[in-house]
Amino acid sequence: MIDMPLTTYNVLFLCTGNSARSILAEAILERLGRGRFNAYSAGSFPRGEIHPVAIDLLKKLDHPTEHLRSKSWDEFTGPTSPSIDFIFTVCDNAAADTCPIWPGHPMTAHWGLPDPAAVEGSDDDILEAFTSTYHQLRRRIVAFTQLVDNSFGNAELQSKLMDIGSGISPST
């Protein structure tokens, strides 16, 4: 039997500020999807810096962080940009923003989560918010990586991606 090369998918996680949720998602998919997925993140109005608790949490969980940066989604709309296969909005503001027309018409889904950077309280409260967000994103990304290896049609895959964002566990 001839081994067919596996497709490598480009995935973009969007948020407004690109400082917490989308950065966490990028780091998670980089680890879980190594060799199968290229992970990117961006924001509609990037803050220009990553939230320090996000960086600290990723380091604590042994994710590489040196390459991560807050950036505009404009970096992914030009002719030299990678062709994006999937786009996930991870905050409600980015889902409501008027998105650019993405080259190649990638499949999109909304996976909104509360902003851990908006949590006020003790350092422990803030860390718990980031940790909870990390684990919610990780569960969704695990489900996503298992889905794309199946031979679903576009409509069925789109529905399953939306289910992931709604907290419904898609059957693979």
Protein backbone atom coordinates (compact mmCIF):
# COMPACT_ATOMS: atom_id res chain seq x y z
CA MET A 1 0.00 0.00 0.00
CA ILE A 2 1.26 3.49 -0.84
CA ASP A 3 1.30 5.98 1.99
CA MET A 4 -0.46 9.15 0.92
CA PRO A 5 0.88 12.35 2.41
CA LEU A 6 -1.39 13.87 5.02
CA THR A 7 -2.79 17.30 4.39
CA THR A 8 -1.43 20.06 6.59
CA TYR A 9 -4.14 22.55 7.52
CA ASN A 10 -3.63 26.23 8.36
CA VAL A 11 -5.81 27.37 11.25
CA LEU A 12 -6.34 30.96 12.37
CA PHE A 13 -7.77 31.84 15.79
CA LEU A 14 -9.28 35.33 15.97
CA CYS A 15 -10.05 37.58 18.89
CA THR A 16 -10.33 41.32 19.20
CA GLY A 17 -7.11 42.03 21.14
CA ASN A 18 -5.06 38.91 20.30
CA SER A 19 -3.62 38.96 23.80
CA ALA A 20 -5.17 35.97 25.59
CA ARG A 21 -7.70 33.48 24.15
CA SER A 22 -6.46 33.39 20.57
CA ILE A 23 -2.85 33.22 21.76
CA LEU A 24 -3.69 30.28 24.06
CA ALA A 25 -5.46 28.52 21.19
CA GLU A 26 -2.50 29.04 18.86
CA ALA A 27 -0.11 27.51 21.40
CA ILE A 28 -2.41 24.56 22.10
CA LEU A 29 -2.87 23.67 18.43
CA GLU A 30 0.86 24.05 17.80
CA ARG A 31 1.41 21.28 20.33
CA LEU A 32 -1.54 19.02 19.57
CA GLY A 33 -1.43 19.40 15.81
CA ARG A 34 2.29 19.25 15.14
CA GLY A 35 2.80 18.04 11.59
CA ARG A 36 -0.90 18.21 10.73
CA PHE A 37 -1.80 21.82 11.54
CA ASN A 38 -0.12 25.19 11.36
CA ALA A 39 -1.58 27.42 14.05
CA TYR A 40 -1.89 31.20 13.86
CA SER A 41 -3.68 33.87 15.86
CA ALA A 42 -4.60 37.47 15.21
CA GLY A 43 -6.91 40.24 16.33
CA SER A 44 -9.19 42.77 14.73
CA PHE A 45 -7.74 45.44 17.06
CA PRO A 46 -4.61 43.82 18.50
CA ARG A 47 -3.33 45.14 21.81
CA GLY A 48 0.25 44.80 20.66
CA GLU A 49 1.25 42.68 23.64
CA ILE A 50 0.28 39.35 25.11
CA HIS A 51 -1.34 39.33 28.53
CA PRO A 52 1.39 38.39 31.05
CA VAL A 53 -0.78 35.72 32.72
CA ALA A 54 -1.29 34.01 29.35
CA ILE A 55 2.47 33.89 28.78
CA ASP A 56 3.14 32.68 32.33
CA LEU A 57 0.53 29.92 32.03
CA LEU A 58 1.87 28.74 28.68
CA LYS A 59 5.42 28.65 30.07
CA LYS A 60 4.23 26.75 33.14
CA LEU A 61 2.64 24.19 30.79
CA ASP A 62 5.88 23.93 28.77
CA HIS A 63 4.61 25.64 25.62
CA PRO A 64 7.18 27.58 23.60
CA THR A 65 6.32 31.28 23.78
CA GLU A 66 9.24 33.14 22.20
CA HIS A 67 7.55 33.34 18.79
CA LEU A 68 4.10 34.39 20.03
CA ARG A 69 3.06 38.00 19.45
CA SER A 70 -0.08 40.08 19.26
CA LYS A 71 -0.81 40.89 15.60
CA SER A 72 -3.49 42.16 13.26
CA TRP A 73 -5.61 39.92 11.13
CA ASP A 74 -4.45 42.06 8.21
CA GLU A 75 -1.31 39.89 8.17
CA PHE A 76 -3.47 37.02 6.91
CA THR A 77 -5.31 38.75 4.07
CA GLY A 78 -2.53 39.58 1.63
CA PRO A 79 -1.23 37.67 -1.37
CA THR A 80 1.84 36.40 0.52
CA SER A 81 -0.21 35.21 3.51
CA PRO A 82 -0.61 31.51 4.20
CA SER A 83 -3.79 30.06 2.74
CA ILE A 84 -6.06 29.57 5.76
CA ASP A 85 -8.26 26.46 5.87
CA PHE A 86 -10.12 27.08 9.15
CA ILE A 87 -10.89 30.23 11.15
CA PHE A 88 -12.25 30.16 14.69
CA THR A 89 -13.41 33.28 16.50
CA VAL A 90 -12.84 32.79 20.21
CA CYS A 91 -14.44 35.97 21.52
CA ASP A 92 -17.85 37.46 20.93
CA ASN A 93 -16.49 40.81 19.76
CA ALA A 94 -14.45 39.27 16.94
CA ALA A 95 -17.46 37.24 15.82
CA ALA A 96 -19.46 40.45 15.50
CA ASP A 97 -16.69 42.36 13.68
CA THR A 98 -16.90 42.72 9.94
CA CYS A 99 -14.25 40.26 8.90
CA PRO A 100 -12.06 40.62 5.84
CA ILE A 101 -12.80 38.46 2.85
CA TRP A 102 -10.41 35.62 3.44
CA PRO A 103 -8.56 34.21 0.44
CA GLY A 104 -9.62 30.66 -0.31
CA HIS A 105 -12.89 30.94 1.64
CA PRO A 106 -11.87 29.00 4.76
CA MET A 107 -14.37 27.15 6.90
CA THR A 108 -15.30 29.26 9.93
CA ALA A 109 -16.90 28.67 13.32
CA HIS A 110 -17.50 30.69 16.45
CA TRP A 111 -16.04 29.27 19.65
CA GLY A 112 -16.68 32.21 21.97
CA LEU A 113 -15.39 32.13 25.53
CA PRO A 114 -15.41 34.74 28.29
CA ASP A 115 -12.32 36.94 28.32
CA PRO A 116 -10.00 35.85 31.15
CA ALA A 117 -8.18 39.18 30.83
CA ALA A 118 -11.38 40.94 31.95
CA VAL A 119 -11.53 39.05 35.24
CA GLU A 120 -10.98 41.21 38.29
CA GLY A 121 -10.03 39.92 41.68
CA SER A 122 -7.09 38.21 43.29
CA ASP A 123 -4.13 36.84 41.38
CA ASP A 124 -5.56 33.37 42.06
CA ASP A 125 -8.93 34.37 40.56
CA ILE A 126 -7.24 35.69 37.43
CA LEU A 127 -5.02 32.63 37.07
CA GLU A 128 -8.07 30.38 37.48
CA ALA A 129 -9.85 32.26 34.67
CA PHE A 130 -6.89 31.78 32.33
CA THR A 131 -6.49 28.13 33.32
CA SER A 132 -10.18 27.44 32.76
CA THR A 133 -10.04 29.13 29.35
CA TYR A 134 -6.94 27.13 28.43
CA HIS A 135 -8.66 23.82 29.27
CA GLN A 136 -11.88 24.74 27.45
CA LEU A 137 -9.89 25.65 24.36
CA ARG A 138 -7.84 22.47 24.64
CA ARG A 139 -10.98 20.29 24.72
CA ARG A 140 -12.35 22.06 21.65
CA ILE A 141 -9.07 21.80 19.77
CA VAL A 142 -8.74 18.08 20.56
CA ALA A 143 -12.26 17.54 19.18
CA PHE A 144 -11.41 19.62 16.10
CA THR A 145 -8.20 17.71 15.34
CA GLN A 146 -10.13 14.44 15.50
CA LEU A 147 -12.84 15.71 13.14
CA VAL A 148 -10.74 16.76 10.21
CA ASP A 149 -9.29 13.30 9.81
CA ASN A 150 -12.76 11.96 8.98
CA SER A 151 -14.30 12.15 5.55
CA PHE A 152 -17.20 14.48 6.27
CA GLY A 153 -18.73 16.64 3.61
CA ASN A 154 -18.31 20.39 4.06
CA ALA A 155 -21.83 20.95 5.43
CA GLU A 156 -21.50 18.17 8.01
CA LEU A 157 -18.02 19.29 9.04
CA GLN A 158 -19.23 22.90 9.37
CA SER A 159 -22.08 21.75 11.61
CA LYS A 160 -19.73 19.73 13.80
CA LEU A 161 -17.33 22.68 14.12
CA MET A 162 -20.22 24.86 15.29
CA ASP A 163 -21.25 22.15 17.76
CA ILE A 164 -17.77 22.25 19.28
CA GLY A 165 -18.18 25.97 19.91
CA SER A 166 -21.58 25.36 21.50
CA GLY A 167 -20.12 22.85 23.90
CA ILE A 168 -21.69 19.88 22.12
CA SER A 169 -19.35 16.94 21.74
CA PRO A 170 -19.42 15.99 18.05
CA SER A 171 -19.41 12.32 17.22
CA THR A 172 -16.50 11.47 14.97
